[in-house]
Amino acid sequence: MGINIQTKKMNFFERFKIAILKLEDYGMFLGERISTALKYILILILLVCVIMSVASTYDFFRMINKMNNYIEKELPEFIYEDGKLNFDEKVEAYDNDYNFSLIINTEGNIDENNLKEYRKKINKFGIIILQNKAVFISEQMELEKDYKSLVKDYQFNINNKTDLTNMLNKTTVNGIVGTYFLVDCISTYIANLISIIMDIVIIAIFGWIAARFCGLNFRITAMVSLSIYSLSLSIVLNCIYNVSYIFTNFYIEHFNVIYLLIAYVYIIAAIFMIKYDLIKQNEEILKIIEDQKHLKEDDDYLSNNEKKEEKTNDNKEDDNTEDGPIIENNKEPDGSEI
């Protein structure tokens, strides 16, 4: 069964509303160009990425302020000379809000066994500060840098705690936060775009197979458009989940499965809605054809009756013209009547 449905011009927010709340109107997406659907998904990804980056940047700003307070009030005094860093005391600190660990031991060279023990103490993120190098550890990577390289690469000019405090002034912090937002927004957009394109392909294939089982033959571009719109709610929920995770560390196991399952439900429901609309349209067309047939039969019947009535009237007129005289033969009296 071929499908060719006309669509109308809509702005982004109208499309977004239909994509989430009005499954019965998905049929209007079938008649549009695929470029329109692609433009919609690019804008949607941009919006959710900006929201997530704003949340992430705000959290990063809070972390920077917390770090500043710690440096000013709790960090021991230190001196940096000739590529070597010396703190007045050892430090093992942990922050529950950010799962961040800080380990400082600048008392001579630390052997590999002690370094392994320090690594085990870092749960999620952390920095190990030694006399001649720093080790940055996260869930994804571990980076080891000596201080001479750090000074050369980043042009640091920090020799003591006062220099560090002065460097982390409001202007510097705002610059760091602004750069973080820009980098995070771009990287998040690229990562989400690649991931969502893969999801669109998977859902389009699934939807095409489901449509064939329903007796519908969609163009591949039309199915891609439906897949894009069916992902709308999943993308929004993913944004909400990521923002809540940033602030609360609330974790949902197998969220990616739920994410795709919602899109599958949407596209299947949309296919059934479209099939129902087509069946309804066919029924209406058949009803119109049947009504036209009855009207034609009624017209033929009335036409035949009119012809019969005209014929009857003609016969009556002929009978009236053939009537004879009241007195036949019109003979004169011969006297026998008296």
Protein backbone atom coordinates (compact mmCIF):
# COMPACT_ATOMS: atom_id res chain seq x y z
CA MET A 1 0.00 0.00 0.00
CA GLY A 2 1.61 3.29 -1.03
CA ILE A 3 1.37 6.34 1.20
CA ASN A 4 1.49 9.93 0.13
CA ILE A 5 0.18 12.34 2.76
CA GLN A 6 0.27 16.10 2.49
CA THR A 7 1.84 18.10 5.28
CA LYS A 8 1.73 21.70 6.40
CA LYS A 9 4.28 24.27 7.48
CA MET A 10 5.07 24.13 11.19
CA ASN A 11 7.69 25.70 13.40
CA PHE A 12 10.01 23.73 15.67
CA PHE A 13 7.82 23.93 18.78
CA GLU A 14 4.70 22.78 16.90
CA ARG A 15 6.63 19.77 15.62
CA PHE A 16 8.00 19.08 19.10
CA LYS A 17 4.48 19.15 20.58
CA ILE A 18 3.12 16.77 17.93
CA ALA A 19 6.15 14.45 18.26
CA ILE A 20 5.53 13.95 21.98
CA LEU A 21 1.81 14.48 22.56
CA LYS A 22 -0.05 13.84 19.28
CA LEU A 23 0.76 10.43 17.86
CA GLU A 24 -2.45 10.58 15.81
CA ASP A 25 -0.92 13.43 13.76
CA TYR A 26 2.32 11.61 12.82
CA GLY A 27 0.89 11.01 9.35
CA MET A 28 1.55 14.62 8.38
CA PHE A 29 5.30 13.99 8.76
CA LEU A 30 5.22 11.47 5.91
CA GLY A 31 4.74 14.07 3.20
CA GLU A 32 7.66 16.31 4.17
CA ARG A 33 11.26 16.28 3.00
CA ILE A 34 13.77 14.42 5.11
CA SER A 35 15.83 17.63 5.34
CA THR A 36 13.01 19.14 7.42
CA ALA A 37 13.15 16.29 9.93
CA LEU A 38 16.95 16.48 10.05
CA LYS A 39 16.78 20.21 10.76
CA TYR A 40 14.35 19.48 13.58
CA ILE A 41 16.60 16.87 15.23
CA LEU A 42 19.70 19.07 14.93
CA ILE A 43 17.90 21.91 16.73
CA LEU A 44 16.55 19.54 19.39
CA ILE A 45 20.01 18.08 20.05
CA LEU A 46 21.47 21.59 20.28
CA LEU A 47 18.85 22.66 22.83
CA VAL A 48 19.28 19.65 25.10
CA CYS A 49 23.08 19.89 24.87
CA VAL A 50 22.99 23.56 25.87
CA ILE A 51 20.77 22.67 28.85
CA MET A 52 23.07 19.84 29.92
CA SER A 53 26.17 22.00 29.48
CA VAL A 54 24.64 24.83 31.51
CA ALA A 55 23.94 22.36 34.33
CA SER A 56 27.41 20.84 34.05
CA THR A 57 29.08 24.28 33.96
CA TYR A 58 27.13 25.45 37.00
CA ASP A 59 28.25 22.35 38.87
CA PHE A 60 31.83 22.97 37.73
CA PHE A 61 31.57 26.58 38.95
CA ARG A 62 30.43 25.35 42.36
CA MET A 63 33.36 22.95 42.44
CA ILE A 64 35.84 25.74 41.58
CA ASN A 65 34.45 27.93 44.37
CA LYS A 66 34.64 25.05 46.82
CA MET A 67 38.21 24.39 45.76
CA ASN A 68 39.09 28.08 46.25
CA ASN A 69 37.67 27.99 49.76
CA TYR A 70 39.69 24.87 50.53
CA ILE A 71 42.90 26.41 49.18
CA GLU A 72 42.45 29.60 51.16
CA LYS A 73 41.45 27.98 54.46
CA GLU A 74 42.78 24.42 54.62
CA LEU A 75 45.54 23.78 52.09
CA PRO A 76 48.97 23.69 53.77
CA GLU A 77 51.67 26.15 52.75
CA PHE A 78 54.02 25.03 49.98
CA ILE A 79 57.09 26.17 48.02
CA TYR A 80 57.97 25.35 44.43
CA GLU A 81 61.65 25.54 43.36
CA ASP A 82 63.64 23.96 40.52
CA GLY A 83 60.89 21.58 39.50
CA LYS A 84 60.28 20.35 43.05
CA LEU A 85 57.22 20.96 45.21
CA ASN A 86 57.37 20.84 49.01
CA PHE A 87 54.29 21.03 51.26
CA ASP A 88 54.53 21.65 55.00
CA GLU A 89 52.53 18.49 55.74
CA LYS A 90 50.91 15.44 54.22
CA VAL A 91 47.27 15.62 53.09
CA GLU A 92 44.60 13.00 52.43
CA ALA A 93 41.30 14.78 51.77
CA TYR A 94 38.03 13.57 50.23
CA ASP A 95 35.00 15.52 49.07
CA ASN A 96 31.67 13.66 49.19
CA ASP A 97 29.82 16.03 46.86
CA TYR A 98 32.15 15.44 43.92
CA ASN A 99 33.76 12.13 44.90
CA PHE A 100 37.08 13.93 44.66
CA SER A 101 40.25 12.82 46.44
CA LEU A 102 43.36 14.89 47.13
CA ILE A 103 46.52 13.14 48.28
CA ILE A 104 49.69 15.14 48.97
CA ASN A 105 53.03 13.64 49.97
CA THR A 106 56.15 15.58 49.01
CA GLU A 107 58.55 13.87 51.43
CA GLY A 108 61.16 12.59 49.01
CA ASN A 109 60.66 9.97 46.32
CA ILE A 110 57.62 7.71 46.62
CA ASP A 111 58.13 4.11 45.51
CA GLU A 112 55.72 2.34 43.16
CA ASN A 113 54.07 0.31 45.91
CA ASN A 114 53.06 3.42 47.85
CA LEU A 115 51.82 5.00 44.63
CA LYS A 116 49.58 1.97 43.99
CA GLU A 117 48.14 2.31 47.48
CA TYR A 118 47.35 5.96 46.81
CA ARG A 119 45.63 5.06 43.53
CA LYS A 120 43.39 2.57 45.34
CA LYS A 121 42.22 5.30 47.69
CA ILE A 122 40.85 7.37 44.80
CA ASN A 123 37.23 6.39 44.22
CA LYS A 124 36.21 8.41 41.16
CA PHE A 125 38.35 11.50 40.59
CA GLY A 126 41.51 12.62 42.28
CA ILE A 127 44.98 14.16 42.24
CA ILE A 128 48.09 12.71 43.78
CA ILE A 129 50.68 15.44 44.37
CA LEU A 130 54.25 14.24 44.84
CA GLN A 131 57.54 16.10 45.11
CA ASN A 132 58.40 16.06 41.40
CA LYS A 133 55.13 15.22 39.65
CA ALA A 134 51.35 15.11 39.86
CA VAL A 135 49.08 12.21 38.90
CA PHE A 136 45.55 13.07 37.65
CA ILE A 137 43.13 10.16 37.92
CA SER A 138 39.55 9.77 36.64
CA GLU A 139 37.26 6.89 35.73
CA GLN A 140 38.28 7.10 32.08
CA MET A 141 41.99 7.90 32.22
CA GLU A 142 45.13 8.53 34.23
CA LEU A 143 47.59 11.29 33.40
CA GLU A 144 51.03 11.73 34.97
CA LYS A 145 52.87 15.06 34.57
CA ASP A 146 56.08 16.45 36.06
CA TYR A 147 55.97 20.05 37.22
CA LYS A 148 58.51 21.35 34.72
CA SER A 149 56.29 20.16 31.85
CA LEU A 150 53.21 21.70 33.46
CA VAL A 151 54.96 25.06 33.86
CA LYS A 152 56.17 24.94 30.27
CA ASP A 153 52.85 23.85 28.73
CA TYR A 154 50.54 26.10 30.74
CA GLN A 155 52.88 28.97 31.63
CA PHE A 156 52.27 28.64 35.35
CA ASN A 157 54.16 31.05 37.59
CA ILE A 158 53.24 29.69 41.01
CA ASN A 159 55.89 29.46 43.70
CA ASN A 160 53.78 29.38 46.87
CA LYS A 161 50.23 29.35 48.22
CA THR A 162 49.84 33.12 47.88
CA ASP A 163 50.65 32.96 44.15
CA LEU A 164 48.08 30.18 43.72
CA THR A 165 45.39 32.16 45.56
CA ASN A 166 46.09 35.28 43.50
CA MET A 167 45.95 33.30 40.25
CA LEU A 168 42.51 31.93 41.08
CA ASN A 169 40.87 35.37 41.11
CA LYS A 170 37.39 36.15 39.76
CA THR A 171 38.58 36.99 36.24
CA THR A 172 40.59 33.79 35.93
CA VAL A 173 37.75 31.67 37.31
CA ASN A 174 35.23 33.22 34.90
CA GLY A 175 37.58 32.52 32.00
CA ILE A 176 38.03 28.91 33.10
CA VAL A 177 34.27 28.45 33.52
CA GLY A 178 33.50 30.04 30.12
CA THR A 179 36.04 27.84 28.38
CA TYR A 180 34.65 24.80 30.16
CA PHE A 181 31.10 25.61 28.97
CA LEU A 182 32.20 26.05 25.35
CA VAL A 183 34.27 22.87 25.26
CA ASP A 184 31.61 20.85 27.11
CA CYS A 185 28.80 22.09 24.84
CA ILE A 186 30.69 21.26 21.63
CA SER A 187 31.87 17.85 22.84
CA THR A 188 28.42 16.96 24.19
CA TYR A 189 26.77 18.00 20.91
CA ILE A 190 29.14 15.90 18.79
CA ALA A 191 28.80 12.87 21.08
CA ASN A 192 24.98 13.11 21.16
CA LEU A 193 24.76 13.67 17.41
CA ILE A 194 26.77 10.52 16.63
CA SER A 195 24.81 8.47 19.17
CA ILE A 196 21.40 9.70 18.00
CA ILE A 197 22.20 9.11 14.31
CA MET A 198 22.95 5.48 15.17
CA ASP A 199 19.69 5.27 17.13
CA ILE A 200 17.73 6.71 14.17
CA VAL A 201 19.13 4.05 11.84
CA ILE A 202 18.25 1.23 14.27
CA ILE A 203 14.73 2.54 14.92
CA ALA A 204 14.10 3.18 11.20
CA ILE A 205 14.99 -0.43 10.37
CA PHE A 206 12.78 -1.70 13.20
CA GLY A 207 9.92 0.57 12.12
CA TRP A 208 10.20 -0.44 8.47
CA ILE A 209 9.93 -4.13 9.41
CA ALA A 210 6.96 -3.41 11.71
CA ALA A 211 5.24 -1.41 8.95
CA ARG A 212 5.66 -4.28 6.46
CA PHE A 213 3.95 -6.62 8.94
CA CYS A 214 1.08 -4.11 9.08
CA GLY A 215 0.79 -4.10 5.30
CA LEU A 216 2.26 -0.60 4.84
CA ASN A 217 5.01 0.18 2.36
CA PHE A 218 6.86 3.28 3.54
CA ARG A 219 9.58 5.06 1.63
CA ILE A 220 12.85 4.79 3.54
CA THR A 221 13.05 8.58 3.86
CA ALA A 222 9.57 8.66 5.38
CA MET A 223 10.55 5.98 7.90
CA VAL A 224 13.68 7.92 8.84
CA SER A 225 11.50 10.99 9.47
CA LEU A 226 9.16 8.98 11.71
CA SER A 227 12.18 7.58 13.58
CA ILE A 228 13.51 11.08 14.20
CA TYR A 229 10.23 12.31 15.69
CA SER A 230 9.71 9.11 17.71
CA LEU A 231 13.03 9.79 19.49
CA SER A 232 11.90 13.21 20.75
CA LEU A 233 10.62 12.07 24.15
CA SER A 234 13.62 9.78 24.67
CA ILE A 235 16.02 12.65 24.00
CA VAL A 236 14.17 14.93 26.43
CA LEU A 237 14.12 12.26 29.14
CA ASN A 238 17.82 11.62 28.58
CA CYS A 239 18.47 15.33 29.10
CA ILE A 240 16.45 15.34 32.34
CA TYR A 241 18.25 12.22 33.54
CA ASN A 242 21.71 13.67 32.84
CA VAL A 243 20.89 16.95 34.57
CA SER A 244 19.53 15.15 37.64
CA TYR A 245 22.61 12.91 37.69
CA ILE A 246 24.91 15.96 37.68
CA PHE A 247 23.27 17.39 40.81
CA THR A 248 22.16 14.26 42.69
CA ASN A 249 24.21 11.34 41.28
CA PHE A 250 20.87 9.59 40.78
CA TYR A 251 21.56 6.53 38.64
CA ILE A 252 19.09 4.40 36.67
CA GLU A 253 20.40 1.01 35.65
CA HIS A 254 19.83 0.08 32.00
CA PHE A 255 18.57 3.58 31.19
CA ASN A 256 19.83 3.17 27.59
CA VAL A 257 17.46 0.22 27.15
CA ILE A 258 14.54 2.27 28.48
CA TYR A 259 15.61 5.13 26.18
CA LEU A 260 15.32 2.95 23.06
CA LEU A 261 12.22 1.13 24.29
CA ILE A 262 10.29 4.40 24.50
CA ALA A 263 11.24 5.22 20.90
CA TYR A 264 10.15 1.74 19.75
CA VAL A 265 6.77 2.17 21.45
CA TYR A 266 6.32 5.58 19.81
CA ILE A 267 7.10 4.41 16.28
CA ILE A 268 4.90 1.30 16.57
CA ALA A 269 2.04 3.39 17.92
CA ALA A 270 2.55 5.91 15.09
CA ILE A 271 2.45 3.13 12.48
CA PHE A 272 -0.83 1.78 13.91
CA MET A 273 -2.29 5.29 13.99
CA ILE A 274 -1.36 5.84 10.35
CA LYS A 275 -2.83 2.46 9.37
CA TYR A 276 -6.03 3.29 11.26
CA ASP A 277 -6.26 6.66 9.48
CA LEU A 278 -5.80 4.97 6.09
CA ILE A 279 -8.49 2.39 6.88
CA LYS A 280 -10.81 5.17 8.01
CA GLN A 281 -10.10 7.16 4.83
CA ASN A 282 -10.81 4.09 2.70
CA GLU A 283 -14.09 3.51 4.53
CA GLU A 284 -15.09 7.12 3.96
CA ILE A 285 -14.20 6.84 0.26
CA LEU A 286 -16.25 3.64 -0.06
CA LYS A 287 -19.14 5.32 1.73
CA ILE A 288 -18.96 8.28 -0.68
CA ILE A 289 -18.90 5.92 -3.66
CA GLU A 290 -21.89 4.00 -2.25
CA ASP A 291 -23.81 7.24 -1.65
CA GLN A 292 -23.08 8.40 -5.18
CA LYS A 293 -24.29 5.04 -6.49
CA HIS A 294 -27.56 5.39 -4.56
CA LEU A 295 -27.99 8.95 -5.80
CA LYS A 296 -27.51 7.80 -9.37
CA GLU A 297 -30.06 5.03 -8.91
CA ASP A 298 -32.53 7.54 -7.44
CA ASP A 299 -31.92 9.89 -10.35
CA ASP A 300 -32.50 7.09 -12.85
CA TYR A 301 -35.69 6.09 -11.04
CA LEU A 302 -37.04 9.65 -11.03
CA SER A 303 -36.09 10.07 -14.68
CA ASN A 304 -37.95 6.89 -15.65
CA ASN A 305 -41.04 7.96 -13.69
CA GLU A 306 -41.03 11.34 -15.38
CA LYS A 307 -40.84 9.68 -18.78
CA LYS A 308 -43.76 7.36 -17.92
CA GLU A 309 -45.85 10.29 -16.68
CA GLU A 310 -45.14 12.26 -19.84
CA LYS A 311 -46.17 9.28 -21.97
CA THR A 312 -49.42 8.89 -20.02
CA ASN A 313 -50.27 12.54 -20.46
CA ASP A 314 -49.63 12.27 -24.19
CA ASN A 315 -52.03 9.31 -24.46
CA LYS A 316 -54.75 11.20 -22.62
CA GLU A 317 -54.46 14.13 -25.01
CA ASP A 318 -54.79 11.76 -27.99
CA ASP A 319 -58.00 10.23 -26.54
CA ASN A 320 -59.62 13.63 -26.07
CA THR A 321 -59.09 14.65 -29.67
CA GLU A 322 -60.76 11.46 -31.10
CA ASP A 323 -64.27 11.81 -29.42
CA GLY A 324 -67.30 11.76 -31.91
CA PRO A 325 -70.42 14.14 -32.20
CA ILE A 326 -73.17 13.97 -29.58
CA ILE A 327 -75.90 13.20 -32.27
CA GLU A 328 -74.80 10.53 -34.69
CA ASN A 329 -75.52 10.81 -38.46
CA ASN A 330 -77.34 14.12 -37.93
CA LYS A 331 -80.44 12.80 -39.91
CA GLU A 332 -83.56 14.98 -40.30
CA PRO A 333 -86.89 13.66 -38.85
CA ASP A 334 -89.12 11.83 -41.40
CA GLY A 335 -92.39 12.30 -39.51
CA SER A 336 -92.51 8.77 -38.10
CA GLU A 337 -91.68 10.01 -34.66
CA ILE A 338 -95.08 11.69 -34.29
